[in-house]
PDB file of N, CA and C in Angstrom:
ATOM      1  N   MET A   1     -34.340 -16.399 -34.685  1.00  0.00           N
ATOM      2  CA  MET A   1     -33.663 -15.517 -33.985  1.00  0.00           C
ATOM      3  C   MET A   1     -33.465 -13.710 -33.664  1.00  0.00           C
ATOM      4  N   THR A   2     -33.870 -12.710 -35.321  1.00  0.00           N
ATOM      5  CA  THR A   2     -33.521 -12.000 -35.271  1.00  0.00           C
ATOM      6  C   THR A   2     -35.104 -10.637 -34.427  1.00  0.00           C
ATOM      7  N   SER A   3     -36.331 -12.250 -34.682  1.00  0.00           N
ATOM      8  CA  SER A   3     -37.441 -11.536 -33.709  1.00  0.00           C
ATOM      9  C   SER A   3     -37.461 -11.953 -32.444  1.00  0.00           C
ATOM     10  N   LEU A   4     -36.661 -12.941 -31.807  1.00  0.00           N
ATOM     11  CA  LEU A   4     -36.377 -12.802 -30.449  1.00  0.00           C
ATOM     12  C   LEU A   4     -35.757 -11.331 -30.075  1.00  0.00           C
ATOM     13  N   VAL A   5     -34.271 -11.039 -30.454  1.00  0.00           N
ATOM     14  CA  VAL A   5     -33.564  -9.848 -30.811  1.00  0.00           C
ATOM     15  C   VAL A   5     -34.671  -8.512 -30.723  1.00  0.00           C
ATOM     16  N   GLN A   6     -35.249  -8.571 -31.479  1.00  0.00           N
ATOM     17  CA  GLN A   6     -36.129  -7.712 -31.858  1.00  0.00           C
ATOM     18  C   GLN A   6     -37.002  -7.003 -30.760  1.00  0.00           C
ATOM     19  N   PHE A   7     -37.299  -8.373 -29.851  1.00  0.00           N
ATOM     20  CA  PHE A   7     -38.576  -8.272 -28.780  1.00  0.00           C
ATOM     21  C   PHE A   7     -37.685  -7.705 -27.376  1.00  0.00           C
ATOM     22  N   SER A   8     -36.669  -8.304 -27.370  1.00  0.00           N
ATOM     23  CA  SER A   8     -35.962  -7.929 -26.199  1.00  0.00           C
ATOM     24  C   SER A   8     -35.672  -6.567 -26.208  1.00  0.00           C
ATOM     25  N   VAL A   9     -35.029  -6.305 -27.204  1.00  0.00           N
ATOM     26  CA  VAL A   9     -35.206  -4.772 -27.373  1.00  0.00           C
ATOM     27  C   VAL A   9     -35.792  -3.815 -27.141  1.00  0.00           C
ATOM     28  N   ILE A  10     -37.163  -4.506 -27.675  1.00  0.00           N
ATOM     29  CA  ILE A  10     -37.935  -3.649 -27.495  1.00  0.00           C
ATOM     30  C   ILE A  10     -38.853  -3.753 -25.298  1.00  0.00           C
ATOM     31  N   SER A  11     -38.903  -4.756 -25.574  1.00  0.00           N
ATOM     32  CA  SER A  11     -39.717  -5.031 -23.945  1.00  0.00           C
ATOM     33  C   SER A  11     -37.904  -3.969 -23.352  1.00  0.00           C
ATOM     34  N   TYR A  12     -36.718  -3.941 -23.254  1.00  0.00           N
ATOM     35  CA  TYR A  12     -35.817  -3.656 -22.601  1.00  0.00           C
ATOM     36  C   TYR A  12     -36.787  -1.939 -22.800  1.00  0.00           C
ATOM     37  N   GLN A  13     -36.877  -1.602 -24.379  1.00  0.00           N
ATOM     38  CA  GLN A  13     -37.320   0.041 -23.912  1.00  0.00           C
ATOM     39  C   GLN A  13     -38.454   0.127 -23.317  1.00  0.00           C
ATOM     40  N   LEU A  14     -39.298  -0.517 -23.452  1.00  0.00           N
ATOM     41  CA  LEU A  14     -40.766  -0.538 -22.683  1.00  0.00           C
ATOM     42  C   LEU A  14     -40.595  -0.344 -21.280  1.00  0.00           C
ATOM     43  N   SER A  15     -39.231  -1.227 -20.636  1.00  0.00           N
ATOM     44  CA  SER A  15     -39.025  -1.508 -19.521  1.00  0.00           C
ATOM     45  C   SER A  15     -38.024  -0.186 -19.213  1.00  0.00           C
ATOM     46  N   VAL A  16     -37.417   0.365 -19.577  1.00  0.00           N
ATOM     47  CA  VAL A  16     -36.895   1.862 -19.719  1.00  0.00           C
ATOM     48  C   VAL A  16     -37.547   3.067 -19.432  1.00  0.00           C
ATOM     49  N   PHE A  17     -38.320   2.789 -20.052  1.00  0.00           N
ATOM     50  CA  PHE A  17     -39.609   4.025 -20.528  1.00  0.00           C
ATOM     51  C   PHE A  17     -40.351   4.139 -18.795  1.00  0.00           C
ATOM     52  N   PHE A  18     -41.022   3.080 -18.953  1.00  0.00           N
ATOM     53  CA  PHE A  18     -41.707   2.709 -17.512  1.00  0.00           C
ATOM     54  C   PHE A  18     -40.966   3.354 -16.534  1.00  0.00           C
ATOM     55  N   GLY A  19     -39.797   3.030 -16.525  1.00  0.00           N
ATOM     56  CA  GLY A  19     -39.244   3.103 -15.329  1.00  0.00           C
ATOM     57  C   GLY A  19     -38.602   4.821 -15.556  1.00  0.00           C
ATOM     58  N   PHE A  20     -38.830   5.066 -16.266  1.00  0.00           N
ATOM     59  CA  PHE A  20     -38.743   7.212 -16.191  1.00  0.00           C
ATOM     60  C   PHE A  20     -40.230   7.462 -15.945  1.00  0.00           C
ATOM     61  N   GLN A  21     -40.906   6.554 -16.332  1.00  0.00           N
ATOM     62  CA  GLN A  21     -42.201   7.734 -16.020  1.00  0.00           C
ATOM     63  C   GLN A  21     -42.400   7.411 -14.199  1.00  0.00           C
ATOM     64  N   ARG A  22     -41.975   6.261 -13.549  1.00  0.00           N
ATOM     65  CA  ARG A  22     -42.227   6.170 -11.851  1.00  0.00           C
ATOM     66  C   ARG A  22     -41.449   6.668 -11.360  1.00  0.00           C
ATOM     67  N   LEU A  23     -40.183   6.767 -12.005  1.00  0.00           N
ATOM     68  CA  LEU A  23     -39.501   8.343 -11.398  1.00  0.00           C
ATOM     69  C   LEU A  23     -40.085   9.356 -11.652  1.00  0.00           C
ATOM     70  N   ALA A  24     -40.268   9.895 -12.505  1.00  0.00           N
ATOM     71  CA  ALA A  24     -41.191  11.402 -12.634  1.00  0.00           C
ATOM     72  C   ALA A  24     -42.080  11.502 -12.456  1.00  0.00           C
ATOM     73  N   PHE A  25     -43.215  10.367 -12.139  1.00  0.00           N
ATOM     74  CA  PHE A  25     -44.233  10.142 -10.967  1.00  0.00           C
ATOM     75  C   PHE A  25     -43.824  10.278  -9.630  1.00  0.00           C
ATOM     76  N   GLY A  26     -42.652   9.648  -9.192  1.00  0.00           N
ATOM     77  CA  GLY A  26     -42.453   9.644  -7.857  1.00  0.00           C
ATOM     78  C   GLY A  26     -41.393  10.724  -6.960  1.00  0.00           C
ATOM     79  N   VAL A  27     -40.860  12.024  -8.404  1.00  0.00           N
ATOM     80  CA  VAL A  27     -40.377  12.834  -8.268  1.00  0.00           C
ATOM     81  C   VAL A  27     -41.526  14.152  -7.284  1.00  0.00           C
ATOM     82  N   GLN A  28     -42.636  14.003  -8.384  1.00  0.00           N
ATOM     83  CA  GLN A  28     -43.436  14.400  -8.370  1.00  0.00           C
ATOM     84  C   GLN A  28     -44.372  14.881  -6.715  1.00  0.00           C
ATOM     85  N   LEU A  29     -44.342  13.249  -6.594  1.00  0.00           N
ATOM     86  CA  LEU A  29     -44.930  13.373  -5.603  1.00  0.00           C
ATOM     87  C   LEU A  29     -44.656  13.615  -4.243  1.00  0.00           C
ATOM     88  N   PHE A  30     -42.757  13.357  -4.542  1.00  0.00           N
ATOM     89  CA  PHE A  30     -41.837  13.925  -3.130  1.00  0.00           C
ATOM     90  C   PHE A  30     -42.239  15.553  -3.584  1.00  0.00           C
ATOM     91  N   GLU A  31     -42.207  15.980  -4.177  1.00  0.00           N
ATOM     92  CA  GLU A  31     -42.234  17.398  -4.566  1.00  0.00           C
ATOM     93  C   GLU A  31     -43.681  18.127  -4.119  1.00  0.00           C
ATOM     94  N   GLN A  32     -44.942  17.067  -4.170  1.00  0.00           N
ATOM     95  CA  GLN A  32     -46.116  17.304  -3.360  1.00  0.00           C
ATOM     96  C   GLN A  32     -46.002  17.237  -2.069  1.00  0.00           C
ATOM     97  N   MET A  33     -45.361  16.960  -1.326  1.00  0.00           N
ATOM     98  CA  MET A  33     -45.305  16.366  -0.510  1.00  0.00           C
ATOM     99  C   MET A  33     -44.243  17.126   0.189  1.00  0.00           C
ATOM    100  N   VAL A  34     -43.435  18.197   0.025  1.00  0.00           N
ATOM    101  CA  VAL A  34     -42.374  18.608   0.320  1.00  0.00           C
ATOM    102  C   VAL A  34     -43.112  20.180   0.141  1.00  0.00           C
ATOM    103  N   PHE A  35     -44.006  20.690  -0.662  1.00  0.00           N
ATOM    104  CA  PHE A  35     -44.978  21.888  -0.676  1.00  0.00           C
ATOM    105  C   PHE A  35     -45.891  21.725  -0.140  1.00  0.00           C
ATOM    106  N   ASP A  36     -46.393  20.804   0.739  1.00  0.00           N
ATOM    107  CA  ASP A  36     -47.221  20.922   1.361  1.00  0.00           C
ATOM    108  C   ASP A  36     -47.039  20.713   3.266  1.00  0.00           C
ATOM    109  N   ASP A  37     -45.257  21.077   3.071  1.00  0.00           N
ATOM    110  CA  ASP A  37     -44.751  21.276   4.502  1.00  0.00           C
ATOM    111  C   ASP A  37     -44.009  22.176   4.919  1.00  0.00           C
ATOM    112  N   ARG A  38     -43.828  23.439   5.431  1.00  0.00           N
ATOM    113  CA  ARG A  38     -42.871  23.930   4.895  1.00  0.00           C
ATOM    114  C   ARG A  38     -41.528  24.064   5.549  1.00  0.00           C
ATOM    115  N   ILE A  39     -41.685  22.967   6.287  1.00  0.00           N
ATOM    116  CA  ILE A  39     -40.468  23.223   7.443  1.00  0.00           C
ATOM    117  C   ILE A  39     -39.708  22.054   5.826  1.00  0.00           C
ATOM    118  N   LEU A  40     -40.619  21.110   5.314  1.00  0.00           N
ATOM    119  CA  LEU A  40     -39.265  20.415   4.629  1.00  0.00           C
ATOM    120  C   LEU A  40     -39.239  20.909   3.077  1.00  0.00           C
ATOM    121  N   LEU A  41     -40.353  21.995   3.105  1.00  0.00           N
ATOM    122  CA  LEU A  41     -39.550  23.296   1.898  1.00  0.00           C
ATOM    123  C   LEU A  41     -38.108  23.743   2.047  1.00  0.00           C
ATOM    124  N   LEU A  42     -38.176  24.273   2.875  1.00  0.00           N
ATOM    125  CA  LEU A  42     -37.384  25.134   3.764  1.00  0.00           C
ATOM    126  C   LEU A  42     -36.286  23.930   3.135  1.00  0.00           C
ATOM    127  N   MET A  43     -36.054  23.031   4.000  1.00  0.00           N
ATOM    128  CA  MET A  43     -35.103  21.757   3.951  1.00  0.00           C
ATOM    129  C   MET A  43     -34.805  21.487   2.624  1.00  0.00           C
ATOM    130  N   ARG A  44     -35.692  21.036   1.828  1.00  0.00           N
ATOM    131  CA  ARG A  44     -35.338  21.237   0.228  1.00  0.00           C
ATOM    132  C   ARG A  44     -34.741  22.385  -0.480  1.00  0.00           C
ATOM    133  N   SER A  45     -35.012  23.438  -0.203  1.00  0.00           N
ATOM    134  CA  SER A  45     -34.187  24.848  -0.854  1.00  0.00           C
ATOM    135  C   SER A  45     -32.735  24.744  -0.239  1.00  0.00           C
ATOM    136  N   LYS A  46     -32.668  24.088   1.109  1.00  0.00           N
ATOM    137  CA  LYS A  46     -31.098  24.618   1.626  1.00  0.00           C
ATOM    138  C   LYS A  46     -30.295  23.340   1.087  1.00  0.00           C
ATOM    139  N   LEU A  47     -30.994  21.685   0.881  1.00  0.00           N
ATOM    140  CA  LEU A  47     -30.392  20.661  -0.209  1.00  0.00           C
ATOM    141  C   LEU A  47     -30.073  21.486  -1.024  1.00  0.00           C
ATOM    142  N   THR A  48     -31.094  22.111  -1.469  1.00  0.00           N
ATOM    143  CA  THR A  48     -30.145  22.382  -2.884  1.00  0.00           C
ATOM    144  C   THR A  48     -30.078  23.245  -2.771  1.00  0.00           C
ATOM    145  N   ALA A  49     -29.203  24.343  -2.223  1.00  0.00           N
ATOM    146  CA  ALA A  49     -28.402  25.504  -2.520  1.00  0.00           C
ATOM    147  C   ALA A  49     -26.875  24.398  -2.425  1.00  0.00           C
ATOM    148  N   VAL A  50     -27.367  23.713  -1.306  1.00  0.00           N
ATOM    149  CA  VAL A  50     -25.500  22.420  -1.065  1.00  0.00           C
ATOM    150  C   VAL A  50     -25.700  21.652  -2.310  1.00  0.00           C
ATOM    151  N   GLY A  51     -27.000  21.303  -3.056  1.00  0.00           N
ATOM    152  CA  GLY A  51     -26.273  20.479  -3.892  1.00  0.00           C
ATOM    153  C   GLY A  51     -25.914  21.734  -5.306  1.00  0.00           C
ATOM    154  N   LEU A  52     -26.061  22.787  -5.176  1.00  0.00           N
ATOM    155  CA  LEU A  52     -25.918  23.958  -6.170  1.00  0.00           C
ATOM    156  C   LEU A  52     -25.082  24.555  -5.728  1.00  0.00           C
ATOM    157  N   LYS A  53     -24.261  24.457  -4.476  1.00  0.00           N
ATOM    158  CA  LYS A  53     -23.164  24.773  -4.076  1.00  0.00           C
ATOM    159  C   LYS A  53     -22.941  26.519  -3.892  1.00  0.00           C
ATOM    160  N   ILE A  54     -24.660  26.623  -3.756  1.00  0.00           N
ATOM    161  CA  ILE A  54     -24.626  28.021  -3.265  1.00  0.00           C
ATOM    162  C   ILE A  54     -24.777  28.630  -1.541  1.00  0.00           C
ATOM    163  N   PRO A  55     -24.560  29.105  -0.961  1.00  0.00           N
ATOM    164  CA  PRO A  55     -24.854  29.961  -0.139  1.00  0.00           C
ATOM    165  C   PRO A  55     -26.410  30.126   0.453  1.00  0.00           C
ATOM    166  N   VAL A  56     -26.720  30.118   1.263  1.00  0.00           N
ATOM    167  CA  VAL A  56     -28.512  30.378   1.542  1.00  0.00           C
ATOM    168  C   VAL A  56     -28.350  31.847   2.272  1.00  0.00           C
ATOM    169  N   THR A  57     -28.665  32.700   2.417  1.00  0.00           N
ATOM    170  CA  THR A  57     -28.487  33.798   3.656  1.00  0.00           C
ATOM    171  C   THR A  57     -29.520  33.738   4.675  1.00  0.00           C
TER     172      THR A  57
END
């Protein structure tokens, strides 16, 4: 029984880890796409400013 619990915990940790890896890769891919397009870069800076409550001049 304990081995089954250990296995489930390990599999859960692995799934969480790979989920974070996939999320980080997705963010990197999104950053790359945004960086390639100046309009999207401007939009991202404005969205970041809105998210941080900083007015953009």
